[in-house]
Amino acid sequence: MSCDYYETLEINRDATDADIKMAYRRLALKFHPSSNREAGSCDRFVQLGEAYDVLSDPRKKATYDKFGEEGLKGGIPAEFASGGAWSSKYIYHGNPDKTFRQFFGGDNPFADFYTTGSLLEYSFLQAGVEKTHDSPIERDLHLSLDDLFHGCIKKIKISRRVMNEDGHTSSIKDKILTIEVKPGWKEGTRIIFSKEGDQGPHCIPADIVFIVREKTHHLFTRQHNDLIYKVKISLEMALTGFNVDVQTLDGRLLTIPVNDIVHPSYKKVLSGEGMPLPQDPSQRGNLIIAFDIEFPEKLSAESKNLIKHALSLKY
């Protein structure tokens, strides 16, 4: 049964080499047995392989264009053989998968199907196989205040389903995802690993999203880019002055004199001693020292008189 290779690839006879490749790419993906179970698709896949094998080879194409299928497969008459175009009979090897693999490169013709932005993925979509994008997989990433102050590297092992080279079956494999935590990241920061979820023949793998959750610190409370440090003091200290020692997250010991009268809403602000700013870690927020004043539960009559006397004096 004769066939028209140009008609098989749905192109004109003046098609360029690029046109031939584009047509084969589109149709081979459409009729590959792994993606098309319709009756006749296997035969069409074989025909596409033979058509491309001939038209992609300049010598075979030249013979076919001049002498047709009969001249290509039956051999060129002797008077034309001296031209050297094609003197032996052409026989297709009969393995369309071989042609397919040679075209796309590699033993697994669908290996690039899962590569972001690959032309193969685009062609498969153009061929009419609708793929659905799985919903994002969200996980909490618990980080200490020290991690968020200094920045760090976190390595997280995930297990996911990966398609095997046959394009049909899958297996579970582990993978290490590396997160570079930047100084100053805040609660709720989202780190996205695109398409690292389970693979499947007709789905786009889900994105894996890690969401920063800040652990409680034993000394500081974070408020945006500021750090809050609470100190308990006596009423005597609040009225007469004192020093506060603060061990910072970067290992320094700050001794801060407080000479003001400390009232319940009083706060001591140290500029530039807070958290690094995410957009510019060389800049930092503030360290805010808040005070919890401990009042005496009871006073003797003598103590009350002394306090009255002291407070009656001119300041």
C-alpha atoms as a PDB file:
ATOM      1  CA  MET A   1       0.000   0.000   0.000  1.00  0.00           C
ATOM      2  CA  SER A   2       1.551   3.294  -1.142  1.00  0.00           C
ATOM      3  CA  CYS A   3       1.552   6.374   1.040  1.00  0.00           C
ATOM      4  CA  ASP A   4       2.264  10.049   0.632  1.00  0.00           C
ATOM      5  CA  TYR A   5       4.828  11.025   3.247  1.00  0.00           C
ATOM      6  CA  TYR A   6       3.914  14.716   2.968  1.00  0.00           C
ATOM      7  CA  GLU A   7       0.245  13.927   3.457  1.00  0.00           C
ATOM      8  CA  THR A   8       1.118  11.702   6.421  1.00  0.00           C
ATOM      9  CA  LEU A   9       2.874  14.624   8.126  1.00  0.00           C
ATOM     10  CA  GLU A  10       0.150  17.028   6.986  1.00  0.00           C
ATOM     11  CA  ILE A  11       2.583  19.374   5.228  1.00  0.00           C
ATOM     12  CA  ASN A  12       3.100  20.737   1.736  1.00  0.00           C
ATOM     13  CA  ARG A  13       5.826  19.535  -0.619  1.00  0.00           C
ATOM     14  CA  ASP A  14       7.665  22.830  -0.293  1.00  0.00           C
ATOM     15  CA  ALA A  15       7.905  22.402   3.509  1.00  0.00           C
ATOM     16  CA  THR A  16      11.223  23.349   5.074  1.00  0.00           C
ATOM     17  CA  ASP A  17      13.264  21.116   7.358  1.00  0.00           C
ATOM     18  CA  ALA A  18      11.904  23.100  10.322  1.00  0.00           C
ATOM     19  CA  ASP A  19       8.337  22.512   9.086  1.00  0.00           C
ATOM     20  CA  ILE A  20       9.002  18.762   8.846  1.00  0.00           C
ATOM     21  CA  LYS A  21      10.374  18.620  12.391  1.00  0.00           C
ATOM     22  CA  MET A  22       7.507  20.681  13.815  1.00  0.00           C
ATOM     23  CA  ALA A  23       4.897  18.521  12.089  1.00  0.00           C
ATOM     24  CA  TYR A  24       6.486  15.280  13.295  1.00  0.00           C
ATOM     25  CA  ARG A  25       6.802  16.614  16.843  1.00  0.00           C
ATOM     26  CA  ARG A  26       3.129  17.561  16.999  1.00  0.00           C
ATOM     27  CA  LEU A  27       1.714  14.417  15.394  1.00  0.00           C
ATOM     28  CA  ALA A  28       4.066  11.894  17.025  1.00  0.00           C
ATOM     29  CA  LEU A  29       3.099  13.177  20.459  1.00  0.00           C
ATOM     30  CA  LYS A  30      -0.559  13.101  19.520  1.00  0.00           C
ATOM     31  CA  PHE A  31      -0.546   9.503  18.240  1.00  0.00           C
ATOM     32  CA  HIS A  32       2.070   7.965  20.552  1.00  0.00           C
ATOM     33  CA  PRO A  33       0.568   4.808  22.112  1.00  0.00           C
ATOM     34  CA  SER A  34       1.286   6.148  25.607  1.00  0.00           C
ATOM     35  CA  SER A  35      -1.065   9.078  25.081  1.00  0.00           C
ATOM     36  CA  ASN A  36      -3.544   7.833  22.479  1.00  0.00           C
ATOM     37  CA  ARG A  37      -5.528   4.614  22.936  1.00  0.00           C
ATOM     38  CA  GLU A  38      -7.832   5.135  19.969  1.00  0.00           C
ATOM     39  CA  ALA A  39      -8.065   2.462  17.276  1.00  0.00           C
ATOM     40  CA  GLY A  40      -5.614   3.071  14.448  1.00  0.00           C
ATOM     41  CA  SER A  41      -3.308   5.337  16.443  1.00  0.00           C
ATOM     42  CA  CYS A  42      -0.534   2.718  16.504  1.00  0.00           C
ATOM     43  CA  ASP A  43      -0.632   2.344  12.710  1.00  0.00           C
ATOM     44  CA  ARG A  44      -0.572   6.106  12.327  1.00  0.00           C
ATOM     45  CA  PHE A  45       2.410   6.297  14.705  1.00  0.00           C
ATOM     46  CA  VAL A  46       4.313   3.807  12.513  1.00  0.00           C
ATOM     47  CA  GLN A  47       3.481   5.801   9.360  1.00  0.00           C
ATOM     48  CA  LEU A  48       4.684   9.010  11.004  1.00  0.00           C
ATOM     49  CA  GLY A  49       7.976   7.363  11.928  1.00  0.00           C
ATOM     50  CA  GLU A  50       8.607   6.215   8.356  1.00  0.00           C
ATOM     51  CA  ALA A  51       7.566   9.549   6.849  1.00  0.00           C
ATOM     52  CA  TYR A  52       9.903  11.465   9.122  1.00  0.00           C
ATOM     53  CA  ASP A  53      12.749   8.980   8.582  1.00  0.00           C
ATOM     54  CA  VAL A  54      12.564   9.700   4.848  1.00  0.00           C
ATOM     55  CA  LEU A  55      11.819  13.423   4.714  1.00  0.00           C
ATOM     56  CA  SER A  56      14.340  14.365   7.412  1.00  0.00           C
ATOM     57  CA  ASP A  57      17.183  12.764   5.408  1.00  0.00           C
ATOM     58  CA  PRO A  58      18.227  14.990   2.439  1.00  0.00           C
ATOM     59  CA  ARG A  59      19.312  12.039   0.251  1.00  0.00           C
ATOM     60  CA  LYS A  60      16.195   9.952   0.903  1.00  0.00           C
ATOM     61  CA  LYS A  61      13.978  13.024   0.480  1.00  0.00           C
ATOM     62  CA  ALA A  62      15.626  13.935  -2.841  1.00  0.00           C
ATOM     63  CA  THR A  63      15.085  10.425  -4.178  1.00  0.00           C
ATOM     64  CA  TYR A  64      11.478  10.342  -2.963  1.00  0.00           C
ATOM     65  CA  ASP A  65      10.725  13.769  -4.451  1.00  0.00           C
ATOM     66  CA  LYS A  66      12.118  12.723  -7.858  1.00  0.00           C
ATOM     67  CA  PHE A  67      11.164   9.058  -8.130  1.00  0.00           C
ATOM     68  CA  GLY A  68       8.402   8.634  -5.590  1.00  0.00           C
ATOM     69  CA  GLU A  69       7.937   5.736  -3.184  1.00  0.00           C
ATOM     70  CA  GLU A  70       8.505   3.170  -5.934  1.00  0.00           C
ATOM     71  CA  GLY A  71      11.925   4.597  -6.806  1.00  0.00           C
ATOM     72  CA  LEU A  72      12.843   4.968  -3.148  1.00  0.00           C
ATOM     73  CA  LYS A  73      11.982   1.412  -2.158  1.00  0.00           C
ATOM     74  CA  GLY A  74      12.592  -0.327  -5.494  1.00  0.00           C
ATOM     75  CA  GLY A  75      15.874   1.298  -6.358  1.00  0.00           C
ATOM     76  CA  ILE A  76      16.789   3.984  -8.894  1.00  0.00           C
ATOM     77  CA  PRO A  77      17.175   2.999 -12.573  1.00  0.00           C
ATOM     78  CA  ALA A  78      20.808   2.389 -13.535  1.00  0.00           C
ATOM     79  CA  GLU A  79      21.103   5.510 -15.687  1.00  0.00           C
ATOM     80  CA  PHE A  80      20.390   7.673 -12.623  1.00  0.00           C
ATOM     81  CA  ALA A  81      22.506   5.757 -10.108  1.00  0.00           C
ATOM     82  CA  SER A  82      25.767   7.463 -11.117  1.00  0.00           C
ATOM     83  CA  GLY A  83      24.415  10.681  -9.640  1.00  0.00           C
ATOM     84  CA  GLY A  84      24.923   9.122  -6.228  1.00  0.00           C
ATOM     85  CA  ALA A  85      21.563  10.273  -4.816  1.00  0.00           C
ATOM     86  CA  TRP A  86      20.371   6.843  -3.699  1.00  0.00           C
ATOM     87  CA  SER A  87      21.306   3.623  -5.417  1.00  0.00           C
ATOM     88  CA  SER A  88      20.188   0.987  -2.911  1.00  0.00           C
ATOM     89  CA  LYS A  89      16.628   0.091  -1.937  1.00  0.00           C
ATOM     90  CA  TYR A  90      15.209   1.889   1.085  1.00  0.00           C
ATOM     91  CA  ILE A  91      13.711  -0.273   3.848  1.00  0.00           C
ATOM     92  CA  TYR A  92      12.271   1.332   6.954  1.00  0.00           C
ATOM     93  CA  HIS A  93      13.613  -0.337  10.098  1.00  0.00           C
ATOM     94  CA  GLY A  94      10.025  -0.655  11.359  1.00  0.00           C
ATOM     95  CA  ASN A  95      10.632   0.659  14.872  1.00  0.00           C
ATOM     96  CA  PRO A  96       8.773   3.980  15.280  1.00  0.00           C
ATOM     97  CA  ASP A  97       9.847   4.204  18.943  1.00  0.00           C
ATOM     98  CA  LYS A  98      13.471   4.279  17.778  1.00  0.00           C
ATOM     99  CA  THR A  99      12.693   7.220  15.490  1.00  0.00           C
ATOM    100  CA  PHE A 100      10.783   8.901  18.295  1.00  0.00           C
ATOM    101  CA  ARG A 101      13.646   8.501  20.788  1.00  0.00           C
ATOM    102  CA  GLN A 102      16.220   9.728  18.295  1.00  0.00           C
ATOM    103  CA  PHE A 103      14.115  12.790  17.620  1.00  0.00           C
ATOM    104  CA  PHE A 104      13.616  13.778  21.267  1.00  0.00           C
ATOM    105  CA  GLY A 105      16.975  12.465  22.504  1.00  0.00           C
ATOM    106  CA  GLY A 106      17.255   9.861  25.252  1.00  0.00           C
ATOM    107  CA  ASP A 107      15.843   6.462  26.062  1.00  0.00           C
ATOM    108  CA  ASN A 108      12.718   7.900  27.661  1.00  0.00           C
ATOM    109  CA  PRO A 109      10.784   9.887  25.046  1.00  0.00           C
ATOM    110  CA  PHE A 110       8.654  11.503  27.756  1.00  0.00           C
ATOM    111  CA  ALA A 111      11.526  12.426  30.094  1.00  0.00           C
ATOM    112  CA  ASP A 112      11.217  16.136  29.321  1.00  0.00           C
ATOM    113  CA  PHE A 113       7.466  16.017  29.695  1.00  0.00           C
ATOM    114  CA  TYR A 114       7.851  17.018  33.348  1.00  0.00           C
ATOM    115  CA  THR A 115      10.415  19.762  32.788  1.00  0.00           C
ATOM    116  CA  THR A 116       9.047  23.237  33.373  1.00  0.00           C
ATOM    117  CA  GLY A 117       8.602  25.160  30.181  1.00  0.00           C
ATOM    118  CA  SER A 118       9.827  22.349  27.919  1.00  0.00           C
ATOM    119  CA  LEU A 119       8.713  22.356  24.304  1.00  0.00           C
ATOM    120  CA  LEU A 120       7.681  18.738  24.710  1.00  0.00           C
ATOM    121  CA  GLU A 121       5.229  19.652  27.443  1.00  0.00           C
ATOM    122  CA  TYR A 122       3.871  22.435  25.234  1.00  0.00           C
ATOM    123  CA  SER A 123       3.510  20.117  22.259  1.00  0.00           C
ATOM    124  CA  PHE A 124       1.670  17.532  24.354  1.00  0.00           C
ATOM    125  CA  LEU A 125      -0.796  20.172  25.427  1.00  0.00           C
ATOM    126  CA  GLN A 126      -1.182  21.287  21.811  1.00  0.00           C
ATOM    127  CA  ALA A 127      -1.920  17.687  20.892  1.00  0.00           C
ATOM    128  CA  GLY A 128      -5.105  17.884  22.932  1.00  0.00           C
ATOM    129  CA  VAL A 129      -4.160  16.048  26.148  1.00  0.00           C
ATOM    130  CA  GLU A 130      -5.496  18.257  28.915  1.00  0.00           C
ATOM    131  CA  LYS A 131      -3.337  18.311  32.031  1.00  0.00           C
ATOM    132  CA  THR A 132      -4.529  19.458  35.427  1.00  0.00           C
ATOM    133  CA  HIS A 133      -2.291  21.303  37.879  1.00  0.00           C
ATOM    134  CA  ASP A 134      -2.467  19.722  41.334  1.00  0.00           C
ATOM    135  CA  SER A 135      -3.211  22.074  44.240  1.00  0.00           C
ATOM    136  CA  PRO A 136      -0.180  23.378  46.196  1.00  0.00           C
ATOM    137  CA  ILE A 137       1.054  21.295  49.117  1.00  0.00           C
ATOM    138  CA  GLU A 138       1.643  23.548  52.135  1.00  0.00           C
ATOM    139  CA  ARG A 139       3.887  22.692  55.074  1.00  0.00           C
ATOM    140  CA  ASP A 140       4.932  24.718  58.122  1.00  0.00           C
ATOM    141  CA  LEU A 141       8.616  25.546  58.507  1.00  0.00           C
ATOM    142  CA  HIS A 142       9.301  26.148  62.213  1.00  0.00           C
ATOM    143  CA  LEU A 143      12.299  28.446  62.758  1.00  0.00           C
ATOM    144  CA  SER A 144      13.828  29.874  65.910  1.00  0.00           C
ATOM    145  CA  LEU A 145      14.314  33.600  66.364  1.00  0.00           C
ATOM    146  CA  ASP A 146      18.063  32.959  66.120  1.00  0.00           C
ATOM    147  CA  ASP A 147      17.553  31.290  62.709  1.00  0.00           C
ATOM    148  CA  LEU A 148      15.580  34.305  61.515  1.00  0.00           C
ATOM    149  CA  PHE A 149      18.107  36.768  62.951  1.00  0.00           C
ATOM    150  CA  HIS A 150      21.247  35.218  61.460  1.00  0.00           C
ATOM    151  CA  GLY A 151      19.836  33.325  58.474  1.00  0.00           C
ATOM    152  CA  CYS A 152      20.640  29.654  57.931  1.00  0.00           C
ATOM    153  CA  ILE A 153      20.377  26.686  55.573  1.00  0.00           C
ATOM    154  CA  LYS A 154      17.619  24.122  56.111  1.00  0.00           C
ATOM    155  CA  LYS A 155      17.578  20.796  54.253  1.00  0.00           C
ATOM    156  CA  ILE A 156      14.255  18.963  54.142  1.00  0.00           C
ATOM    157  CA  LYS A 157      13.742  15.453  52.801  1.00  0.00           C
ATOM    158  CA  ILE A 158      10.534  14.803  50.916  1.00  0.00           C
ATOM    159  CA  SER A 159       9.155  11.609  49.397  1.00  0.00           C
ATOM    160  CA  ARG A 160       7.267  11.918  46.134  1.00  0.00           C
ATOM    161  CA  ARG A 161       5.945   9.789  43.298  1.00  0.00           C
ATOM    162  CA  VAL A 162       8.121   9.957  40.180  1.00  0.00           C
ATOM    163  CA  MET A 163       7.305   8.584  36.721  1.00  0.00           C
ATOM    164  CA  ASN A 164       9.582   5.775  35.580  1.00  0.00           C
ATOM    165  CA  GLU A 165      11.348   5.807  32.223  1.00  0.00           C
ATOM    166  CA  ASP A 166       8.666   3.671  30.592  1.00  0.00           C
ATOM    167  CA  GLY A 167       6.275   6.615  30.894  1.00  0.00           C
ATOM    168  CA  HIS A 168       3.542   4.388  32.387  1.00  0.00           C
ATOM    169  CA  THR A 169       4.572   3.301  35.879  1.00  0.00           C
ATOM    170  CA  SER A 170       5.828   5.301  38.841  1.00  0.00           C
ATOM    171  CA  SER A 171       7.796   4.803  42.043  1.00  0.00           C
ATOM    172  CA  ILE A 172       8.389   6.623  45.325  1.00  0.00           C
ATOM    173  CA  LYS A 173      11.712   8.448  45.588  1.00  0.00           C
ATOM    174  CA  ASP A 174      13.249  10.739  48.196  1.00  0.00           C
ATOM    175  CA  LYS A 175      14.577  14.187  47.410  1.00  0.00           C
ATOM    176  CA  ILE A 176      16.355  16.830  49.489  1.00  0.00           C
ATOM    177  CA  LEU A 177      15.012  20.381  49.210  1.00  0.00           C
ATOM    178  CA  THR A 178      17.369  23.145  50.337  1.00  0.00           C
ATOM    179  CA  ILE A 179      15.986  26.347  51.845  1.00  0.00           C
ATOM    180  CA  GLU A 180      18.271  29.337  52.311  1.00  0.00           C
ATOM    181  CA  VAL A 181      16.695  31.267  55.166  1.00  0.00           C
ATOM    182  CA  LYS A 182      17.436  34.975  54.777  1.00  0.00           C
ATOM    183  CA  PRO A 183      18.069  37.207  57.826  1.00  0.00           C
ATOM    184  CA  GLY A 184      14.918  39.063  58.816  1.00  0.00           C
ATOM    185  CA  TRP A 185      12.356  36.695  57.293  1.00  0.00           C
ATOM    186  CA  LYS A 186       8.999  37.056  59.033  1.00  0.00           C
ATOM    187  CA  GLU A 187       6.197  34.790  60.166  1.00  0.00           C
ATOM    188  CA  GLY A 188       4.176  33.788  57.115  1.00  0.00           C
ATOM    189  CA  THR A 189       6.988  34.056  54.564  1.00  0.00           C
ATOM    190  CA  ARG A 190       6.300  31.524  51.783  1.00  0.00           C
ATOM    191  CA  ILE A 191       9.032  29.500  50.058  1.00  0.00           C
ATOM    192  CA  ILE A 192       7.805  27.848  46.857  1.00  0.00           C
ATOM    193  CA  PHE A 193       9.354  24.817  45.148  1.00  0.00           C
ATOM    194  CA  SER A 194       7.673  24.702  41.757  1.00  0.00           C
ATOM    195  CA  LYS A 195       6.283  21.339  40.572  1.00  0.00           C
ATOM    196  CA  GLU A 196       8.046  19.200  43.189  1.00  0.00           C
ATOM    197  CA  GLY A 197       4.891  17.229  44.061  1.00  0.00           C
ATOM    198  CA  ASP A 198       3.853  13.792  42.815  1.00  0.00           C
ATOM    199  CA  GLN A 199       4.229  13.217  39.083  1.00  0.00           C
ATOM    200  CA  GLY A 200       1.559  11.621  36.929  1.00  0.00           C
ATOM    201  CA  PRO A 201       0.909  11.033  33.215  1.00  0.00           C
ATOM    202  CA  HIS A 202      -1.876  13.589  32.943  1.00  0.00           C
ATOM    203  CA  CYS A 203      -1.158  16.102  35.698  1.00  0.00           C
ATOM    204  CA  ILE A 204       1.215  18.957  36.371  1.00  0.00           C
ATOM    205  CA  PRO A 205       2.944  18.222  39.701  1.00  0.00           C
ATOM    206  CA  ALA A 206       1.870  20.383  42.620  1.00  0.00           C
ATOM    207  CA  ASP A 207       4.061  23.161  43.989  1.00  0.00           C
ATOM    208  CA  ILE A 208       5.428  22.489  47.472  1.00  0.00           C
ATOM    209  CA  VAL A 209       5.109  25.580  49.679  1.00  0.00           C
ATOM    210  CA  PHE A 210       6.856  26.025  53.029  1.00  0.00           C
ATOM    211  CA  ILE A 211       5.395  28.685  55.352  1.00  0.00           C
ATOM    212  CA  VAL A 212       7.630  30.210  58.036  1.00  0.00           C
ATOM    213  CA  ARG A 213       6.372  29.743  61.602  1.00  0.00           C
ATOM    214  CA  GLU A 214       8.348  31.510  64.325  1.00  0.00           C
ATOM    215  CA  LYS A 215       9.155  29.607  67.486  1.00  0.00           C
ATOM    216  CA  THR A 216       8.737  31.261  70.897  1.00  0.00           C
ATOM    217  CA  HIS A 217      11.966  32.770  72.289  1.00  0.00           C
ATOM    218  CA  HIS A 218      12.778  32.690  76.001  1.00  0.00           C
ATOM    219  CA  LEU A 219      13.913  36.356  76.121  1.00  0.00           C
ATOM    220  CA  PHE A 220      12.488  38.303  73.205  1.00  0.00           C
ATOM    221  CA  THR A 221       9.126  38.828  71.577  1.00  0.00           C
ATOM    222  CA  ARG A 222       9.155  39.956  67.961  1.00  0.00           C
ATOM    223  CA  GLN A 223       6.955  42.794  66.723  1.00  0.00           C
ATOM    224  CA  HIS A 224       7.537  43.300  62.979  1.00  0.00           C
ATOM    225  CA  ASN A 225      11.235  44.304  62.834  1.00  0.00           C
ATOM    226  CA  ASP A 226      11.465  45.232  66.529  1.00  0.00           C
ATOM    227  CA  LEU A 227      12.410  43.051  69.481  1.00  0.00           C
ATOM    228  CA  ILE A 228      10.584  43.443  72.811  1.00  0.00           C
ATOM    229  CA  TYR A 229      12.500  42.657  76.013  1.00  0.00           C
ATOM    230  CA  LYS A 230      10.538  42.669  79.284  1.00  0.00           C
ATOM    231  CA  VAL A 231      12.186  43.372  82.638  1.00  0.00           C
ATOM    232  CA  LYS A 232      10.721  43.088  86.121  1.00  0.00           C
ATOM    233  CA  ILE A 233      11.779  45.904  88.444  1.00  0.00           C
ATOM    234  CA  SER A 234      10.863  47.011  91.945  1.00  0.00           C
ATOM    235  CA  LEU A 235       9.090  50.252  92.730  1.00  0.00           C
ATOM    236  CA  GLU A 236      12.298  51.468  94.289  1.00  0.00           C
ATOM    237  CA  MET A 237      14.188  50.866  91.026  1.00  0.00           C
ATOM    238  CA  ALA A 238      11.431  52.530  89.012  1.00  0.00           C
ATOM    239  CA  LEU A 239      11.794  55.678  91.108  1.00  0.00           C
ATOM    240  CA  THR A 240      15.539  55.798  91.724  1.00  0.00           C
ATOM    241  CA  GLY A 241      17.178  54.407  88.550  1.00  0.00           C
ATOM    242  CA  PHE A 242      19.098  51.219  87.678  1.00  0.00           C
ATOM    243  CA  ASN A 243      20.958  49.361  84.897  1.00  0.00           C
ATOM    244  CA  VAL A 244      19.535  46.667  82.620  1.00  0.00           C
ATOM    245  CA  ASP A 245      21.758  43.919  81.150  1.00  0.00           C
ATOM    246  CA  VAL A 246      20.560  42.458  77.823  1.00  0.00           C
ATOM    247  CA  GLN A 247      22.202  39.483  76.051  1.00  0.00           C
ATOM    248  CA  THR A 248      21.618  40.156  72.350  1.00  0.00           C
ATOM    249  CA  LEU A 249      20.951  37.556  69.652  1.00  0.00           C
ATOM    250  CA  ASP A 250      24.379  38.205  68.157  1.00  0.00           C
ATOM    251  CA  GLY A 251      26.123  37.425  71.460  1.00  0.00           C
ATOM    252  CA  ARG A 252      26.804  40.904  72.868  1.00  0.00           C
ATOM    253  CA  LEU A 253      26.035  42.013  76.403  1.00  0.00           C
ATOM    254  CA  LEU A 254      24.440  45.448  76.548  1.00  0.00           C
ATOM    255  CA  THR A 255      24.368  47.373  79.831  1.00  0.00           C
ATOM    256  CA  ILE A 256      21.702  50.041  79.574  1.00  0.00           C
ATOM    257  CA  PRO A 257      21.346  52.751  82.240  1.00  0.00           C
ATOM    258  CA  VAL A 258      17.782  53.829  83.053  1.00  0.00           C
ATOM    259  CA  ASN A 259      17.771  57.167  84.871  1.00  0.00           C
ATOM    260  CA  ASP A 260      14.219  58.224  84.045  1.00  0.00           C
ATOM    261  CA  ILE A 261      11.250  57.673  86.321  1.00  0.00           C
ATOM    262  CA  VAL A 262       9.731  54.407  85.069  1.00  0.00           C
ATOM    263  CA  HIS A 263       5.944  54.656  84.928  1.00  0.00           C
ATOM    264  CA  PRO A 264       3.665  51.795  83.774  1.00  0.00           C
ATOM    265  CA  SER A 265       3.693  52.848  80.081  1.00  0.00           C
ATOM    266  CA  TYR A 266       7.374  53.801  79.959  1.00  0.00           C
ATOM    267  CA  LYS A 267       9.600  52.064  77.388  1.00  0.00           C
ATOM    268  CA  LYS A 268      13.290  52.352  76.653  1.00  0.00           C
ATOM    269  CA  VAL A 269      14.053  52.257  72.894  1.00  0.00           C
ATOM    270  CA  LEU A 270      17.467  51.318  71.480  1.00  0.00           C
ATOM    271  CA  SER A 271      17.611  52.142  67.803  1.00  0.00           C
ATOM    272  CA  GLY A 272      19.196  49.597  65.451  1.00  0.00           C
ATOM    273  CA  GLU A 273      19.314  46.720  67.953  1.00  0.00           C
ATOM    274  CA  GLY A 274      16.306  44.787  66.626  1.00  0.00           C
ATOM    275  CA  MET A 275      15.823  42.299  63.758  1.00  0.00           C
ATOM    276  CA  PRO A 276      17.517  42.701  60.372  1.00  0.00           C
ATOM    277  CA  LEU A 277      15.251  44.197  57.721  1.00  0.00           C
ATOM    278  CA  PRO A 278      14.428  41.534  55.070  1.00  0.00           C
ATOM    279  CA  GLN A 279      14.980  43.965  52.198  1.00  0.00           C
ATOM    280  CA  ASP A 280      18.290  45.208  53.638  1.00  0.00           C
ATOM    281  CA  PRO A 281      19.827  43.043  56.394  1.00  0.00           C
ATOM    282  CA  SER A 282      22.448  45.714  57.087  1.00  0.00           C
ATOM    283  CA  GLN A 283      19.630  47.796  58.590  1.00  0.00           C
ATOM    284  CA  ARG A 284      17.862  46.723  61.768  1.00  0.00           C
ATOM    285  CA  GLY A 285      14.741  47.518  63.746  1.00  0.00           C
ATOM    286  CA  ASN A 286      14.703  48.609  67.371  1.00  0.00           C
ATOM    287  CA  LEU A 287      15.158  46.882  70.715  1.00  0.00           C
ATOM    288  CA  ILE A 288      12.319  47.988  72.980  1.00  0.00           C
ATOM    289  CA  ILE A 289      12.668  47.386  76.722  1.00  0.00           C
ATOM    290  CA  ALA A 290       9.347  47.223  78.535  1.00  0.00           C
ATOM    291  CA  PHE A 291       9.059  47.199  82.325  1.00  0.00           C
ATOM    292  CA  ASP A 292       6.887  45.301  84.757  1.00  0.00           C
ATOM    293  CA  ILE A 293       6.896  47.256  88.019  1.00  0.00           C
ATOM    294  CA  GLU A 294       6.399  45.129  91.139  1.00  0.00           C
ATOM    295  CA  PHE A 295       4.531  47.058  93.807  1.00  0.00           C
ATOM    296  CA  PRO A 296       4.761  45.978  97.480  1.00  0.00           C
ATOM    297  CA  GLU A 297       1.742  44.057  98.709  1.00  0.00           C
ATOM    298  CA  LYS A 298       1.670  45.903 102.024  1.00  0.00           C
ATOM    299  CA  LEU A 299       3.536  48.648 103.897  1.00  0.00           C
ATOM    300  CA  SER A 300       4.080  49.261 107.594  1.00  0.00           C
ATOM    301  CA  ALA A 301       2.933  52.512 109.115  1.00  0.00           C
ATOM    302  CA  GLU A 302       6.547  53.619 109.440  1.00  0.00           C
ATOM    303  CA  SER A 303       7.245  52.883 105.763  1.00  0.00           C
ATOM    304  CA  LYS A 304       4.149  54.823 104.705  1.00  0.00           C
ATOM    305  CA  ASN A 305       5.255  57.832 106.736  1.00  0.00           C
ATOM    306  CA  LEU A 306       8.737  57.703 105.243  1.00  0.00           C
ATOM    307  CA  ILE A 307       7.326  57.533 101.729  1.00  0.00           C
ATOM    308  CA  LYS A 308       4.940  60.408 102.406  1.00  0.00           C
ATOM    309  CA  HIS A 309       7.811  62.432 103.713  1.00  0.00           C
ATOM    310  CA  ALA A 310       9.997  61.650 100.729  1.00  0.00           C
ATOM    311  CA  LEU A 311       7.286  62.475  98.224  1.00  0.00           C
ATOM    312  CA  SER A 312       6.392  65.701  99.992  1.00  0.00           C
ATOM    313  CA  LEU A 313       9.887  67.048  99.350  1.00  0.00           C
ATOM    314  CA  LYS A 314      10.415  69.282  96.346  1.00  0.00           C
ATOM    315  CA  TYR A 315      11.680  67.346  93.328  1.00  0.00           C
END
